[in-house]
């Protein structure tokens, strides 16, 4: 009976050691996995930042181009309005001169 108890105690001790070793291995794997996850998250964040910067740059370039197009169209409209104003002003002056001169 004593021999059986010694075997049980030895098996229990070996089981505890095995569980402790497995626990340590699991903890080491968890730490390794956590480190890999953090590294992957950092890489993905860097890629996202790079993509975001590229998109922002593209949007800003498109906005700048559109701004230039609008400015050019505005300049053309101002020039046309100025020409129309000058032509009408000339017509008005000519009409006034005709009135004053009675022609």
PDB file of N, CA and C in Angstrom:
ATOM      1  N   UNK A   1       0.801  -1.190   0.000  1.00  0.00           N
ATOM      2  CA  UNK A   1       0.000   0.000   0.000  1.00  0.00           C
ATOM      3  C   UNK A   1       0.849   1.262   0.000  1.00  0.00           C
ATOM      4  N   UNK A   2       1.948   1.205   0.755  1.00  0.00           N
ATOM      5  CA  UNK A   2       2.860   2.340   0.799  1.00  0.00           C
ATOM      6  C   UNK A   2       3.488   2.567  -0.570  1.00  0.00           C
ATOM      7  N   UNK A   3       3.784   1.498  -1.243  1.00  0.00           N
ATOM      8  CA  UNK A   3       4.363   1.600  -2.588  1.00  0.00           C
ATOM      9  C   UNK A   3       3.365   2.237  -3.541  1.00  0.00           C
ATOM     10  N   UNK A   4       2.099   1.895  -3.384  1.00  0.00           N
ATOM     11  CA  UNK A   4       1.065   2.500  -4.231  1.00  0.00           C
ATOM     12  C   UNK A   4       0.945   3.988  -3.963  1.00  0.00           C
ATOM     13  N   UNK A   5       1.010   4.353  -2.702  1.00  0.00           N
ATOM     14  CA  UNK A   5       0.943   5.780  -2.337  1.00  0.00           C
ATOM     15  C   UNK A   5       2.142   6.544  -2.894  1.00  0.00           C
ATOM     16  N   UNK A   6       3.320   5.922  -2.822  1.00  0.00           N
ATOM     17  CA  UNK A   6       4.521   6.568  -3.368  1.00  0.00           C
ATOM     18  C   UNK A   6       4.380   6.772  -4.873  1.00  0.00           C
ATOM     19  N   UNK A   7       3.797   5.772  -5.552  1.00  0.00           N
ATOM     20  CA  UNK A   7       3.571   5.902  -6.995  1.00  0.00           C
ATOM     21  C   UNK A   7       2.572   7.027  -7.288  1.00  0.00           C
ATOM     22  N   UNK A   8       1.532   7.101  -6.468  1.00  0.00           N
ATOM     23  CA  UNK A   8       0.514   8.149  -6.661  1.00  0.00           C
ATOM     24  C   UNK A   8       1.126   9.526  -6.434  1.00  0.00           C
ATOM     25  N   UNK A   9       1.908   9.654  -5.365  1.00  0.00           N
ATOM     26  CA  UNK A   9       2.566  10.933  -5.058  1.00  0.00           C
ATOM     27  C   UNK A   9       3.541  11.293  -6.168  1.00  0.00           C
ATOM     28  N   UNK A  10       4.302  10.310  -6.639  1.00  0.00           N
ATOM     29  CA  UNK A  10       5.260  10.566  -7.725  1.00  0.00           C
ATOM     30  C   UNK A  10       4.526  10.971  -8.993  1.00  0.00           C
ATOM     31  N   UNK A  11       3.432  10.296  -9.295  1.00  0.00           N
ATOM     32  CA  UNK A  11       2.645  10.638 -10.492  1.00  0.00           C
ATOM     33  C   UNK A  11       2.037  12.028 -10.342  1.00  0.00           C
ATOM     34  N   UNK A  12       1.555  12.338  -9.155  1.00  0.00           N
ATOM     35  CA  UNK A  12       0.978  13.664  -8.897  1.00  0.00           C
ATOM     36  C   UNK A  12       2.051  14.736  -9.042  1.00  0.00           C
ATOM     37  N   UNK A  13       3.230  14.464  -8.481  1.00  0.00           N
ATOM     38  CA  UNK A  13       4.346  15.422  -8.580  1.00  0.00           C
ATOM     39  C   UNK A  13       4.742  15.618 -10.046  1.00  0.00           C
ATOM     40  N   UNK A  14       4.826  14.517 -10.788  1.00  0.00           N
ATOM     41  CA  UNK A  14       5.178  14.603 -12.208  1.00  0.00           C
ATOM     42  C   UNK A  14       4.082  15.354 -12.969  1.00  0.00           C
ATOM     43  N   UNK A  15       2.833  15.091 -12.627  1.00  0.00           N
ATOM     44  CA  UNK A  15       1.708  15.791 -13.265  1.00  0.00           C
ATOM     45  C   UNK A  15       1.761  17.288 -12.989  1.00  0.00           C
ATOM     46  N   UNK A  16       2.085  17.651 -11.756  1.00  0.00           N
ATOM     47  CA  UNK A  16       2.192  19.069 -11.404  1.00  0.00           C
ATOM     48  C   UNK A  16       3.326  19.736 -12.178  1.00  0.00           C
ATOM     49  N   UNK A  17       4.446  19.018 -12.287  1.00  0.00           N
ATOM     50  CA  UNK A  17       5.576  19.554 -13.053  1.00  0.00           C
ATOM     51  C   UNK A  17       5.199  19.723 -14.524  1.00  0.00           C
ATOM     52  N   UNK A  18       4.486  18.733 -15.060  1.00  0.00           N
ATOM     53  CA  UNK A  18       4.058  18.800 -16.456  1.00  0.00           C
ATOM     54  C   UNK A  18       3.109  19.968 -16.659  1.00  0.00           C
ATOM     55  N   UNK A  19       2.164  20.143 -15.752  1.00  0.00           N
ATOM     56  CA  UNK A  19       1.217  21.264 -15.832  1.00  0.00           C
ATOM     57  C   UNK A  19       1.967  22.597 -15.716  1.00  0.00           C
ATOM     58  N   UNK A  20       2.913  22.683 -14.799  1.00  0.00           N
ATOM     59  CA  UNK A  20       3.688  23.919 -14.624  1.00  0.00           C
ATOM     60  C   UNK A  20       4.487  24.224 -15.882  1.00  0.00           C
ATOM     61  N   UNK A  21       5.107  23.194 -16.450  1.00  0.00           N
ATOM     62  CA  UNK A  21       5.887  23.376 -17.669  1.00  0.00           C
ATOM     63  C   UNK A  21       4.977  23.802 -18.821  1.00  0.00           C
ATOM     64  N   UNK A  22       3.830  23.155 -18.935  1.00  0.00           N
ATOM     65  CA  UNK A  22       2.876  23.510 -19.998  1.00  0.00           C
ATOM     66  C   UNK A  22       2.373  24.937 -19.808  1.00  0.00           C
ATOM     67  N   UNK A  23       2.149  25.311 -18.571  1.00  0.00           N
ATOM     68  CA  UNK A  23       1.702  26.666 -18.255  1.00  0.00           C
ATOM     69  C   UNK A  23       2.768  27.694 -18.651  1.00  0.00           C
ATOM     70  N   UNK A  24       4.009  27.391 -18.358  1.00  0.00           N
ATOM     71  CA  UNK A  24       5.102  28.286 -18.733  1.00  0.00           C
ATOM     72  C   UNK A  24       5.218  28.399 -20.251  1.00  0.00           C
ATOM     73  N   UNK A  25       5.094  27.270 -20.935  1.00  0.00           N
ATOM     74  CA  UNK A  25       5.156  27.275 -22.398  1.00  0.00           C
ATOM     75  C   UNK A  25       3.989  28.071 -22.983  1.00  0.00           C
ATOM     76  N   UNK A  26       2.813  27.878 -22.411  1.00  0.00           N
ATOM     77  CA  UNK A  26       1.636  28.615 -22.881  1.00  0.00           C
ATOM     78  C   UNK A  26       1.821  30.117 -22.663  1.00  0.00           C
ATOM     79  N   UNK A  27       2.371  30.474 -21.518  1.00  0.00           N
ATOM     80  CA  UNK A  27       2.614  31.886 -21.226  1.00  0.00           C
ATOM     81  C   UNK A  27       3.648  32.467 -22.191  1.00  0.00           C
ATOM     82  N   UNK A  28       4.679  31.710 -22.486  1.00  0.00           N
ATOM     83  CA  UNK A  28       5.703  32.160 -23.436  1.00  0.00           C
ATOM     84  C   UNK A  28       5.101  32.322 -24.828  1.00  0.00           C
ATOM     85  N   UNK A  29       4.264  31.366 -25.234  1.00  0.00           N
ATOM     86  CA  UNK A  29       3.594  31.472 -26.533  1.00  0.00           C
ATOM     87  C   UNK A  29       2.660  32.677 -26.576  1.00  0.00           C
ATOM     88  N   UNK A  30       1.961  32.914 -25.460  1.00  0.00           N
ATOM     89  CA  UNK A  30       1.068  34.073 -25.399  1.00  0.00           C
ATOM     90  C   UNK A  30       1.856  35.368 -25.539  1.00  0.00           C
ATOM     91  N   UNK A  31       2.967  35.463 -24.842  1.00  0.00           N
ATOM     92  CA  UNK A  31       3.807  36.664 -24.948  1.00  0.00           C
ATOM     93  C   UNK A  31       4.320  36.846 -26.377  1.00  0.00           C
ATOM     94  N   UNK A  32       4.760  35.729 -26.974  1.00  0.00           N
ATOM     95  CA  UNK A  32       5.257  35.785 -28.352  1.00  0.00           C
ATOM     96  C   UNK A  32       4.129  36.212 -29.299  1.00  0.00           C
ATOM     97  N   UNK A  33       2.959  35.641 -29.105  1.00  0.00           N
ATOM     98  CA  UNK A  33       1.811  35.989 -29.953  1.00  0.00           C
ATOM     99  C   UNK A  33       1.419  37.450 -29.747  1.00  0.00           C
ATOM    100  N   UNK A  34       1.405  37.912 -28.509  1.00  0.00           N
ATOM    101  CA  UNK A  34       1.090  39.320 -28.222  1.00  0.00           C
ATOM    102  C   UNK A  34       2.083  40.254 -28.914  1.00  0.00           C
ATOM    103  N   UNK A  35       3.362  39.879 -28.870  1.00  0.00           N
ATOM    104  CA  UNK A  35       4.393  40.700 -29.515  1.00  0.00           C
ATOM    105  C   UNK A  35       4.175  40.727 -31.028  1.00  0.00           C
ATOM    106  N   UNK A  36       3.848  39.568 -31.602  1.00  0.00           N
ATOM    107  CA  UNK A  36       3.605  39.508 -33.041  1.00  0.00           C
ATOM    108  C   UNK A  36       2.373  40.331 -33.419  1.00  0.00           C
ATOM    109  N   UNK A  37       1.337  40.254 -32.590  1.00  0.00           N
ATOM    110  CA  UNK A  37       0.123  41.030 -32.845  1.00  0.00           C
ATOM    111  C   UNK A  37       0.435  42.528 -32.788  1.00  0.00           C
ATOM    112  N   UNK A  38       1.191  42.943 -31.794  1.00  0.00           N
ATOM    113  CA  UNK A  38       1.548  44.356 -31.675  1.00  0.00           C
ATOM    114  C   UNK A  38       2.374  44.813 -32.875  1.00  0.00           C
ATOM    115  N   UNK A  39       3.307  43.961 -33.297  1.00  0.00           N
ATOM    116  CA  UNK A  39       4.134  44.298 -34.464  1.00  0.00           C
ATOM    117  C   UNK A  39       3.267  44.409 -35.718  1.00  0.00           C
ATOM    118  N   UNK A  40       2.352  43.467 -35.873  1.00  0.00           N
ATOM    119  CA  UNK A  40       1.455  43.491 -37.032  1.00  0.00           C
ATOM    120  C   UNK A  40       0.555  44.724 -36.985  1.00  0.00           C
ATOM    121  N   UNK A  41       0.056  45.057 -35.811  1.00  0.00           N
ATOM    122  CA  UNK A  41      -0.775  46.249 -35.670  1.00  0.00           C
ATOM    123  C   UNK A  41       0.019  47.505 -36.043  1.00  0.00           C
ATOM    124  N   UNK A  42       1.255  47.561 -35.620  1.00  0.00           N
ATOM    125  CA  UNK A  42       2.100  48.720 -35.951  1.00  0.00           C
ATOM    126  C   UNK A  42       2.332  48.797 -37.457  1.00  0.00           C
ATOM    127  N   UNK A  43       2.584  47.658 -38.085  1.00  0.00           N
ATOM    128  CA  UNK A  43       2.786  47.640 -39.538  1.00  0.00           C
ATOM    129  C   UNK A  43       1.519  48.075 -40.267  1.00  0.00           C
ATOM    130  N   UNK A  44       0.377  47.536 -39.831  1.00  0.00           N
ATOM    131  CA  UNK A  44      -0.891  47.894 -40.468  1.00  0.00           C
ATOM    132  C   UNK A  44      -1.204  49.381 -40.266  1.00  0.00           C
ATOM    133  N   UNK A  45      -0.904  49.889 -39.081  1.00  0.00           N
ATOM    134  CA  UNK A  45      -1.139  51.315 -38.822  1.00  0.00           C
ATOM    135  C   UNK A  45      -0.252  52.164 -39.714  1.00  0.00           C
ATOM    136  N   UNK A  46       0.991  51.750 -39.892  1.00  0.00           N
ATOM    137  CA  UNK A  46       1.905  52.486 -40.771  1.00  0.00           C
ATOM    138  C   UNK A  46       1.401  52.457 -42.211  1.00  0.00           C
ATOM    139  N   UNK A  47       0.925  51.286 -42.655  1.00  0.00           N
ATOM    140  CA  UNK A  47       0.375  51.189 -44.008  1.00  0.00           C
ATOM    141  C   UNK A  47      -0.858  52.061 -44.153  1.00  0.00           C
ATOM    142  N   UNK A  48      -1.715  52.047 -43.144  1.00  0.00           N
ATOM    143  CA  UNK A  48      -2.924  52.884 -43.173  1.00  0.00           C
ATOM    144  C   UNK A  48      -2.554  54.360 -43.218  1.00  0.00           C
ATOM    145  N   UNK A  49      -1.582  54.746 -42.409  1.00  0.00           N
ATOM    146  CA  UNK A  49      -1.131  56.145 -42.418  1.00  0.00           C
ATOM    147  C   UNK A  49      -0.593  56.533 -43.784  1.00  0.00           C
ATOM    148  N   UNK A  50       0.165  55.626 -44.395  1.00  0.00           N
ATOM    149  CA  UNK A  50       0.735  55.896 -45.717  1.00  0.00           C
ATOM    150  C   UNK A  50      -0.382  56.017 -46.756  1.00  0.00           C
ATOM    151  N   UNK A  51      -1.340  55.105 -46.712  1.00  0.00           N
ATOM    152  CA  UNK A  51      -2.472  55.180 -47.644  1.00  0.00           C
ATOM    153  C   UNK A  51      -3.280  56.452 -47.430  1.00  0.00           C
ATOM    154  N   UNK A  52      -3.518  56.783 -46.167  1.00  0.00           N
ATOM    155  CA  UNK A  52      -4.276  57.998 -45.839  1.00  0.00           C
ATOM    156  C   UNK A  52      -3.541  59.230 -46.372  1.00  0.00           C
ATOM    157  N   UNK A  53      -2.233  59.267 -46.195  1.00  0.00           N
ATOM    158  CA  UNK A  53      -1.446  60.404 -46.682  1.00  0.00           C
ATOM    159  C   UNK A  53      -1.543  60.492 -48.207  1.00  0.00           C
ATOM    160  N   UNK A  54      -1.471  59.339 -48.870  1.00  0.00           N
ATOM    161  CA  UNK A  54      -1.585  59.334 -50.329  1.00  0.00           C
ATOM    162  C   UNK A  54      -2.933  59.840 -50.796  1.00  0.00           C
ATOM    163  N   UNK A  55      -3.989  59.401 -50.124  1.00  0.00           N
ATOM    164  CA  UNK A  55      -5.336  59.843 -50.487  1.00  0.00           C
ATOM    165  C   UNK A  55      -5.491  61.330 -50.215  1.00  0.00           C
ATOM    166  N   UNK A  56      -4.991  61.789 -49.089  1.00  0.00           N
ATOM    167  CA  UNK A  56      -5.083  63.210 -48.769  1.00  0.00           C
ATOM    168  C   UNK A  56      -4.332  64.038 -49.803  1.00  0.00           C
ATOM    169  N   UNK A  57      -3.154  63.568 -50.194  1.00  0.00           N
ATOM    170  CA  UNK A  57      -2.379  64.283 -51.201  1.00  0.00           C
ATOM    171  C   UNK A  57      -3.135  64.339 -52.517  1.00  0.00           C
ATOM    172  N   UNK A  58      -3.722  63.218 -52.899  1.00  0.00           N
ATOM    173  CA  UNK A  58      -4.488  63.165 -54.147  1.00  0.00           C
ATOM    174  C   UNK A  58      -5.689  64.106 -54.089  1.00  0.00           C
ATOM    175  N   UNK A  59      -6.390  64.102 -52.971  1.00  0.00           N
ATOM    176  CA  UNK A  59      -7.555  64.981 -52.813  1.00  0.00           C
ATOM    177  C   UNK A  59      -7.125  66.444 -52.875  1.00  0.00           C
ATOM    178  N   UNK A  60      -6.025  66.771 -52.209  1.00  0.00           N
ATOM    179  CA  UNK A  60      -5.538  68.147 -52.229  1.00  0.00           C
ATOM    180  C   UNK A  60      -5.110  68.574 -53.626  1.00  0.00           C
ATOM    181  N   UNK A  61      -4.492  67.661 -54.368  1.00  0.00           N
ATOM    182  CA  UNK A  61      -4.096  67.978 -55.739  1.00  0.00           C
ATOM    183  C   UNK A  61      -5.327  68.206 -56.614  1.00  0.00           C
ATOM    184  N   UNK A  62      -6.342  67.354 -56.446  1.00  0.00           N
ATOM    185  CA  UNK A  62      -7.572  67.521 -57.214  1.00  0.00           C
ATOM    186  C   UNK A  62      -8.260  68.832 -56.844  1.00  0.00           C
ATOM    187  N   UNK A  63      -8.265  69.151 -55.559  1.00  0.00           N
ATOM    188  CA  UNK A  63      -8.879  70.396 -55.110  1.00  0.00           C
ATOM    189  C   UNK A  63      -8.118  71.597 -55.662  1.00  0.00           C
ATOM    190  N   UNK A  64      -6.807  71.517 -55.679  1.00  0.00           N
ATOM    191  CA  UNK A  64      -5.993  72.599 -56.220  1.00  0.00           C
ATOM    192  C   UNK A  64      -6.262  72.780 -57.712  1.00  0.00           C
ATOM    193  N   UNK A  65      -6.350  71.676 -58.437  1.00  0.00           N
ATOM    194  CA  UNK A  65      -6.646  71.732 -59.863  1.00  0.00           C
ATOM    195  C   UNK A  65      -8.019  72.353 -60.095  1.00  0.00           C
ATOM    196  N   UNK A  66      -8.999  71.926 -59.314  1.00  0.00           N
ATOM    197  CA  UNK A  66     -10.358  72.473 -59.445  1.00  0.00           C
ATOM    198  C   UNK A  66     -10.364  73.963 -59.099  1.00  0.00           C
ATOM    199  N   UNK A  67      -9.604  74.352 -58.102  1.00  0.00           N
ATOM    200  CA  UNK A  67      -9.505  75.764 -57.733  1.00  0.00           C
ATOM    201  C   UNK A  67      -8.922  76.576 -58.882  1.00  0.00           C
ATOM    202  N   UNK A  68      -7.907  76.037 -59.528  1.00  0.00           N
ATOM    203  CA  UNK A  68      -7.306  76.730 -60.673  1.00  0.00           C
ATOM    204  C   UNK A  68      -8.306  76.840 -61.824  1.00  0.00           C
ATOM    205  N   UNK A  69      -9.075  75.773 -62.056  1.00  0.00           N
ATOM    206  CA  UNK A  69     -10.082  75.806 -63.111  1.00  0.00           C
ATOM    207  C   UNK A  69     -11.148  76.860 -62.809  1.00  0.00           C
ATOM    208  N   UNK A  70     -11.586  76.918 -61.574  1.00  0.00           N
ATOM    209  CA  UNK A  70     -12.599  77.899 -61.175  1.00  0.00           C
ATOM    210  C   UNK A  70     -12.043  79.313 -61.298  1.00  0.00           C
ATOM    211  N   UNK A  71     -10.803  79.509 -60.877  1.00  0.00           N
ATOM    212  CA  UNK A  71     -10.177  80.833 -60.972  1.00  0.00           C
ATOM    213  C   UNK A  71     -10.061  81.263 -62.430  1.00  0.00           C
ATOM    214  N   UNK A  72      -9.685  80.342 -63.300  1.00  0.00           N
ATOM    215  CA  UNK A  72      -9.567  80.669 -64.726  1.00  0.00           C
ATOM    216  C   UNK A  72     -10.939  81.007 -65.304  1.00  0.00           C
ATOM    217  N   UNK A  73     -11.968  80.239 -64.950  1.00  0.00           N
ATOM    218  CA  UNK A  73     -13.324  80.518 -65.435  1.00  0.00           C
ATOM    219  C   UNK A  73     -13.815  81.860 -64.906  1.00  0.00           C
ATOM    220  N   UNK A  74     -13.502  82.155 -63.667  1.00  0.00           N
ATOM    221  CA  UNK A  74     -13.894  83.437 -63.082  1.00  0.00           C
ATOM    222  C   UNK A  74     -13.202  84.580 -63.807  1.00  0.00           C
ATOM    223  N   UNK A  75     -11.909  84.421 -64.083  1.00  0.00           N
ATOM    224  CA  UNK A  75     -11.170  85.453 -64.819  1.00  0.00           C
ATOM    225  C   UNK A  75     -11.793  85.692 -66.195  1.00  0.00           C
ATOM    226  N   UNK A  76     -12.170  84.608 -66.878  1.00  0.00           N
ATOM    227  CA  UNK A  76     -12.795  84.752 -68.195  1.00  0.00           C
ATOM    228  C   UNK A  76     -14.126  85.497 -68.089  1.00  0.00           C
ATOM    229  N   UNK A  77     -14.904  85.171 -67.082  1.00  0.00           N
ATOM    230  CA  UNK A  77     -16.188  85.845 -66.901  1.00  0.00           C
ATOM    231  C   UNK A  77     -16.000  87.321 -66.579  1.00  0.00           C
ATOM    232  N   UNK A  78     -15.027  87.623 -65.726  1.00  0.00           N
ATOM    233  CA  UNK A  78     -14.743  89.026 -65.387  1.00  0.00           C
ATOM    234  C   UNK A  78     -14.306  89.784 -66.633  1.00  0.00           C
ATOM    235  N   UNK A  79     -13.455  89.174 -67.442  1.00  0.00           N
ATOM    236  CA  UNK A  79     -13.019  89.827 -68.687  1.00  0.00           C
ATOM    237  C   UNK A  79     -14.206  90.073 -69.609  1.00  0.00           C
ATOM    238  N   UNK A  80     -15.090  89.092 -69.735  1.00  0.00           N
ATOM    239  CA  UNK A  80     -16.263  89.260 -70.596  1.00  0.00           C
ATOM    240  C   UNK A  80     -17.179  90.355 -70.060  1.00  0.00           C
ATOM    241  N   UNK A  81     -17.401  90.363 -68.771  1.00  0.00           N
ATOM    242  CA  UNK A  81     -18.240  91.406 -68.176  1.00  0.00           C
ATOM    243  C   UNK A  81     -17.604  92.787 -68.349  1.00  0.00           C
ATOM    244  N   UNK A  82     -16.292  92.854 -68.204  1.00  0.00           N
ATOM    245  CA  UNK A  82     -15.596  94.138 -68.392  1.00  0.00           C
ATOM    246  C   UNK A  82     -15.735  94.605 -69.829  1.00  0.00           C
ATOM    247  N   UNK A  83     -15.564  93.708 -70.796  1.00  0.00           N
ATOM    248  CA  UNK A  83     -15.730  94.075 -72.216  1.00  0.00           C
ATOM    249  C   UNK A  83     -17.158  94.548 -72.490  1.00  0.00           C
ATOM    250  N   UNK A  84     -18.137  93.799 -71.942  1.00  0.00           N
ATOM    251  CA  UNK A  84     -19.532  94.198 -72.125  1.00  0.00           C
ATOM    252  C   UNK A  84     -19.800  95.567 -71.510  1.00  0.00           C
ATOM    253  N   UNK A  85     -19.273  95.793 -70.324  1.00  0.00           N
ATOM    254  CA  UNK A  85     -19.449  97.078 -69.660  1.00  0.00           C
ATOM    255  C   UNK A  85     -18.817  98.198 -70.482  1.00  0.00           C
ATOM    256  N   UNK A  86     -17.603  97.962 -70.945  1.00  0.00           N
ATOM    257  CA  UNK A  86     -16.923  98.991 -71.740  1.00  0.00           C
ATOM    258  C   UNK A  86     -17.670  99.271 -73.043  1.00  0.00           C
ATOM    259  N   UNK A  87     -18.192  98.232 -73.671  1.00  0.00           N
ATOM    260  CA  UNK A  87     -18.948  98.422 -74.912  1.00  0.00           C
ATOM    261  C   UNK A  87     -20.218  99.211 -74.638  1.00  0.00           C
ATOM    262  N   UNK A  88     -20.926  98.886 -73.596  1.00  0.00           N
ATOM    263  CA  UNK A  88     -22.149  99.609 -73.248  1.00  0.00           C
ATOM    264  C   UNK A  88     -21.845 101.026 -72.800  1.00  0.00           C
ATOM    265  N   UNK A  89     -20.732 101.170 -72.114  1.00  0.00           N
ATOM    266  CA  UNK A  89     -20.335 102.508 -71.675  1.00  0.00           C
ATOM    267  C   UNK A  89     -20.037 103.370 -72.905  1.00  0.00           C
ATOM    268  N   UNK A  90     -19.347 102.764 -73.864  1.00  0.00           N
ATOM    269  CA  UNK A  90     -19.054 103.494 -75.111  1.00  0.00           C
ATOM    270  C   UNK A  90     -20.335 103.839 -75.844  1.00  0.00           C
ATOM    271  N   UNK A  91     -21.289 102.919 -75.886  1.00  0.00           N
ATOM    272  CA  UNK A  91     -22.569 103.178 -76.528  1.00  0.00           C
ATOM    273  C   UNK A  91     -23.327 104.286 -75.809  1.00  0.00           C
ATOM    274  N   UNK A  92     -23.286 104.259 -74.468  1.00  0.00           N
ATOM    275  CA  UNK A  92     -23.974 105.285 -73.683  1.00  0.00           C
ATOM    276  C   UNK A  92     -23.341 106.649 -73.921  1.00  0.00           C
ATOM    277  N   UNK A  93     -22.039 106.708 -73.954  1.00  0.00           N
ATOM    278  CA  UNK A  93     -21.344 107.978 -74.203  1.00  0.00           C
ATOM    279  C   UNK A  93     -21.694 108.487 -75.604  1.00  0.00           C
ATOM    280  N   UNK A  94     -21.706 107.590 -76.582  1.00  0.00           N
ATOM    281  CA  UNK A  94     -22.045 107.980 -77.948  1.00  0.00           C
ATOM    282  C   UNK A  94     -23.476 108.497 -78.010  1.00  0.00           C
ATOM    283  N   UNK A  95     -24.386 107.846 -77.281  1.00  0.00           N
ATOM    284  CA  UNK A  95     -25.783 108.293 -77.273  1.00  0.00           C
ATOM    285  C   UNK A  95     -25.906 109.652 -76.621  1.00  0.00           C
ATOM    286  N   UNK A  96     -25.161 109.869 -75.540  1.00  0.00           N
ATOM    287  CA  UNK A  96     -25.193 111.179 -74.876  1.00  0.00           C
ATOM    288  C   UNK A  96     -24.621 112.271 -75.780  1.00  0.00           C
ATOM    289  N   UNK A  97     -23.543 111.946 -76.457  1.00  0.00           N
ATOM    290  CA  UNK A  97     -22.932 112.921 -77.366  1.00  0.00           C
ATOM    291  C   UNK A  97     -23.924 113.262 -78.486  1.00  0.00           C
ATOM    292  N   UNK A  98     -24.591 112.246 -79.026  1.00  0.00           N
ATOM    293  CA  UNK A  98     -25.594 112.486 -80.070  1.00  0.00           C
ATOM    294  C   UNK A  98     -26.715 113.367 -79.545  1.00  0.00           C
ATOM    295  N   UNK A  99     -27.163 113.151 -78.342  1.00  0.00           N
ATOM    296  CA  UNK A  99     -28.218 113.983 -77.745  1.00  0.00           C
ATOM    297  C   UNK A  99     -27.765 115.417 -77.577  1.00  0.00           C
ATOM    298  N   UNK A 100     -26.556 115.513 -77.023  1.00  0.00           N
ATOM    299  CA  UNK A 100     -26.051 116.870 -76.747  1.00  0.00           C
ATOM    300  C   UNK A 100     -25.853 117.613 -78.067  1.00  0.00           C
ATOM    301  N   UNK A 101     -25.342 116.944 -79.052  1.00  0.00           N
ATOM    302  CA  UNK A 101     -25.098 117.584 -80.337  1.00  0.00           C
ATOM    303  C   UNK A 101     -26.367 117.650 -81.186  1.00  0.00           C
ATOM    304  N   UNK A 102     -27.381 116.957 -80.779  1.00  0.00           N
ATOM    305  CA  UNK A 102     -28.640 116.960 -81.487  1.00  0.00           C
ATOM    306  C   UNK A 102     -28.620 116.183 -82.773  1.00  0.00           C
ATOM    307  N   UNK A 103     -27.826 115.240 -82.888  1.00  0.00           N
ATOM    308  CA  UNK A 103     -27.763 114.462 -84.129  1.00  0.00           C
ATOM    309  C   UNK A 103     -28.540 113.203 -84.021  1.00  0.00           C
TER     310      UNK A 103
END
